[in-house]
């Protein structure tokens, strides 16, 4: 009878410990996701008259492993990993297209610059 009671108390203790650990998890705060965006000033250009042409910038495309808002890195040959809490604000190919178009517009070298 004493063995049964001791075994019951031990099982009860294990259950209580498991519940205490499981219930504590929801109270921990999840790590915040940080978003990044390349930011730089447009290059300064010498003032010269604009050529009478329109410039169309075609949308850039990224290779499939990088077509994501997640930041991808490599820690060895033929391996790719991604950060869970560090992400791009938008698709990297779209960011590059937008920044390049902005720089061409700010250069004043063309009558107009458009994204195709």
C-alpha atoms as a PDB file:
ATOM      1  CA  UNK A   1       0.000   0.000   0.000  1.00  0.00           C
ATOM      2  CA  UNK A   2       2.866   2.374   0.793  1.00  0.00           C
ATOM      3  CA  UNK A   3       4.456   1.650  -2.583  1.00  0.00           C
ATOM      4  CA  UNK A   4       1.215   2.497  -4.387  1.00  0.00           C
ATOM      5  CA  UNK A   5       0.850   5.739  -2.477  1.00  0.00           C
ATOM      6  CA  UNK A   6       4.498   6.704  -3.135  1.00  0.00           C
ATOM      7  CA  UNK A   7       4.111   5.861  -6.837  1.00  0.00           C
ATOM      8  CA  UNK A   8       0.885   7.878  -6.998  1.00  0.00           C
ATOM      9  CA  UNK A   9       2.532  10.888  -5.323  1.00  0.00           C
ATOM     10  CA  UNK A  10       5.518  10.650  -7.663  1.00  0.00           C
ATOM     11  CA  UNK A  11       3.219  10.531 -10.719  1.00  0.00           C
ATOM     12  CA  UNK A  12       1.239  13.473  -9.341  1.00  0.00           C
ATOM     13  CA  UNK A  13       4.467  15.416  -8.818  1.00  0.00           C
ATOM     14  CA  UNK A  14       5.569  14.752 -12.420  1.00  0.00           C
ATOM     15  CA  UNK A  15       2.182  15.860 -13.772  1.00  0.00           C
ATOM     16  CA  UNK A  16       2.252  19.046 -11.680  1.00  0.00           C
ATOM     17  CA  UNK A  17       5.789  19.826 -12.825  1.00  0.00           C
ATOM     18  CA  UNK A  18       4.867  19.267 -16.479  1.00  0.00           C
ATOM     19  CA  UNK A  19       1.814  21.519 -16.159  1.00  0.00           C
ATOM     20  CA  UNK A  20       3.832  24.233 -14.428  1.00  0.00           C
ATOM     21  CA  UNK A  21       6.422  24.259 -17.217  1.00  0.00           C
ATOM     22  CA  UNK A  22       3.758  24.164 -19.940  1.00  0.00           C
ATOM     23  CA  UNK A  23       1.716  26.963 -18.398  1.00  0.00           C
ATOM     24  CA  UNK A  24       4.728  29.220 -17.941  1.00  0.00           C
ATOM     25  CA  UNK A  25       5.489  29.280 -21.681  1.00  0.00           C
ATOM     26  CA  UNK A  26       2.552  31.541 -22.724  1.00  0.00           C
ATOM     27  CA  UNK A  27       3.741  34.231 -20.322  1.00  0.00           C
ATOM     28  CA  UNK A  28       7.104  34.616 -22.041  1.00  0.00           C
ATOM     29  CA  UNK A  29       7.099  37.400 -24.609  1.00  0.00           C
ATOM     30  CA  UNK A  30       7.794  36.391 -28.193  1.00  0.00           C
ATOM     31  CA  UNK A  31      10.843  38.003 -29.764  1.00  0.00           C
ATOM     32  CA  UNK A  32       9.937  40.987 -31.927  1.00  0.00           C
ATOM     33  CA  UNK A  33      10.517  40.744 -35.664  1.00  0.00           C
ATOM     34  CA  UNK A  34      12.824  43.489 -36.946  1.00  0.00           C
ATOM     35  CA  UNK A  35      12.283  44.782 -40.484  1.00  0.00           C
ATOM     36  CA  UNK A  36      15.047  46.282 -42.629  1.00  0.00           C
ATOM     37  CA  UNK A  37      15.159  48.526 -45.680  1.00  0.00           C
ATOM     38  CA  UNK A  38      18.285  49.725 -47.499  1.00  0.00           C
ATOM     39  CA  UNK A  39      18.476  53.472 -47.128  1.00  0.00           C
ATOM     40  CA  UNK A  40      20.895  55.878 -48.791  1.00  0.00           C
ATOM     41  CA  UNK A  41      20.917  59.268 -50.431  1.00  0.00           C
ATOM     42  CA  UNK A  42      20.658  59.386 -54.218  1.00  0.00           C
ATOM     43  CA  UNK A  43      24.092  59.978 -55.761  1.00  0.00           C
ATOM     44  CA  UNK A  44      24.806  63.612 -56.594  1.00  0.00           C
ATOM     45  CA  UNK A  45      25.124  64.215 -60.324  1.00  0.00           C
ATOM     46  CA  UNK A  46      26.548  67.158 -62.260  1.00  0.00           C
ATOM     47  CA  UNK A  47      23.760  69.272 -63.642  1.00  0.00           C
ATOM     48  CA  UNK A  48      23.489  68.641 -67.352  1.00  0.00           C
ATOM     49  CA  UNK A  49      20.597  68.888 -69.764  1.00  0.00           C
ATOM     50  CA  UNK A  50      18.323  65.867 -69.872  1.00  0.00           C
ATOM     51  CA  UNK A  51      18.407  63.718 -72.981  1.00  0.00           C
ATOM     52  CA  UNK A  52      15.058  63.743 -74.758  1.00  0.00           C
ATOM     53  CA  UNK A  53      14.313  60.120 -73.986  1.00  0.00           C
ATOM     54  CA  UNK A  54      12.236  58.122 -71.558  1.00  0.00           C
ATOM     55  CA  UNK A  55      13.923  55.366 -69.541  1.00  0.00           C
ATOM     56  CA  UNK A  56      11.982  52.233 -68.671  1.00  0.00           C
ATOM     57  CA  UNK A  57      13.325  50.120 -65.817  1.00  0.00           C
ATOM     58  CA  UNK A  58      12.182  46.530 -65.963  1.00  0.00           C
ATOM     59  CA  UNK A  59      11.256  44.875 -62.675  1.00  0.00           C
ATOM     60  CA  UNK A  60      14.172  43.012 -61.175  1.00  0.00           C
ATOM     61  CA  UNK A  61      13.786  39.361 -60.298  1.00  0.00           C
ATOM     62  CA  UNK A  62      15.605  37.322 -57.666  1.00  0.00           C
ATOM     63  CA  UNK A  63      16.732  33.718 -57.777  1.00  0.00           C
ATOM     64  CA  UNK A  64      14.179  31.381 -56.153  1.00  0.00           C
ATOM     65  CA  UNK A  65      16.063  30.859 -52.862  1.00  0.00           C
ATOM     66  CA  UNK A  66      16.121  34.636 -52.305  1.00  0.00           C
ATOM     67  CA  UNK A  67      12.575  35.474 -53.431  1.00  0.00           C
ATOM     68  CA  UNK A  68      11.353  36.095 -49.914  1.00  0.00           C
ATOM     69  CA  UNK A  69      11.171  38.798 -47.286  1.00  0.00           C
ATOM     70  CA  UNK A  70      13.355  36.626 -45.040  1.00  0.00           C
ATOM     71  CA  UNK A  71      17.046  37.448 -44.836  1.00  0.00           C
ATOM     72  CA  UNK A  72      19.013  34.565 -46.296  1.00  0.00           C
ATOM     73  CA  UNK A  73      22.587  33.749 -45.323  1.00  0.00           C
ATOM     74  CA  UNK A  74      25.079  30.970 -45.915  1.00  0.00           C
ATOM     75  CA  UNK A  75      27.217  29.400 -43.223  1.00  0.00           C
ATOM     76  CA  UNK A  76      28.909  26.906 -45.514  1.00  0.00           C
ATOM     77  CA  UNK A  77      29.161  25.649 -49.060  1.00  0.00           C
ATOM     78  CA  UNK A  78      25.819  24.716 -50.640  1.00  0.00           C
ATOM     79  CA  UNK A  79      23.798  25.677 -47.551  1.00  0.00           C
ATOM     80  CA  UNK A  80      21.299  28.487 -47.038  1.00  0.00           C
ATOM     81  CA  UNK A  81      19.629  29.524 -43.812  1.00  0.00           C
ATOM     82  CA  UNK A  82      17.244  32.338 -42.968  1.00  0.00           C
ATOM     83  CA  UNK A  83      16.801  34.553 -39.958  1.00  0.00           C
ATOM     84  CA  UNK A  84      13.439  34.199 -38.244  1.00  0.00           C
ATOM     85  CA  UNK A  85      13.399  37.599 -36.551  1.00  0.00           C
ATOM     86  CA  UNK A  86      15.148  39.726 -39.210  1.00  0.00           C
ATOM     87  CA  UNK A  87      13.256  40.385 -42.434  1.00  0.00           C
ATOM     88  CA  UNK A  88      13.279  42.752 -45.375  1.00  0.00           C
ATOM     89  CA  UNK A  89      10.474  45.309 -45.424  1.00  0.00           C
ATOM     90  CA  UNK A  90       9.571  44.084 -48.926  1.00  0.00           C
ATOM     91  CA  UNK A  91      10.779  41.661 -51.583  1.00  0.00           C
ATOM     92  CA  UNK A  92      14.499  42.433 -52.192  1.00  0.00           C
ATOM     93  CA  UNK A  93      14.068  42.518 -55.984  1.00  0.00           C
ATOM     94  CA  UNK A  94      11.318  45.140 -55.645  1.00  0.00           C
ATOM     95  CA  UNK A  95      13.484  47.207 -53.292  1.00  0.00           C
ATOM     96  CA  UNK A  96      16.366  47.261 -55.814  1.00  0.00           C
ATOM     97  CA  UNK A  97      14.018  48.189 -58.676  1.00  0.00           C
ATOM     98  CA  UNK A  98      12.522  51.039 -56.684  1.00  0.00           C
ATOM     99  CA  UNK A  99      15.877  52.423 -55.495  1.00  0.00           C
ATOM    100  CA  UNK A 100      17.420  52.317 -58.975  1.00  0.00           C
ATOM    101  CA  UNK A 101      14.386  54.030 -60.503  1.00  0.00           C
ATOM    102  CA  UNK A 102      14.491  56.700 -57.785  1.00  0.00           C
ATOM    103  CA  UNK A 103      18.193  57.350 -58.469  1.00  0.00           C
ATOM    104  CA  UNK A 104      17.639  57.659 -62.238  1.00  0.00           C
ATOM    105  CA  UNK A 105      14.765  60.102 -61.654  1.00  0.00           C
ATOM    106  CA  UNK A 106      16.810  62.202 -59.237  1.00  0.00           C
ATOM    107  CA  UNK A 107      19.740  62.317 -61.673  1.00  0.00           C
ATOM    108  CA  UNK A 108      17.776  64.516 -64.056  1.00  0.00           C
ATOM    109  CA  UNK A 109      19.457  62.851 -67.055  1.00  0.00           C
ATOM    110  CA  UNK A 110      16.196  61.717 -68.682  1.00  0.00           C
ATOM    111  CA  UNK A 111      12.861  63.333 -69.513  1.00  0.00           C
ATOM    112  CA  UNK A 112      11.149  60.566 -67.585  1.00  0.00           C
ATOM    113  CA  UNK A 113      11.912  57.316 -65.795  1.00  0.00           C
ATOM    114  CA  UNK A 114       9.266  54.631 -65.402  1.00  0.00           C
ATOM    115  CA  UNK A 115       9.035  51.129 -64.008  1.00  0.00           C
ATOM    116  CA  UNK A 116       7.960  48.701 -66.695  1.00  0.00           C
END
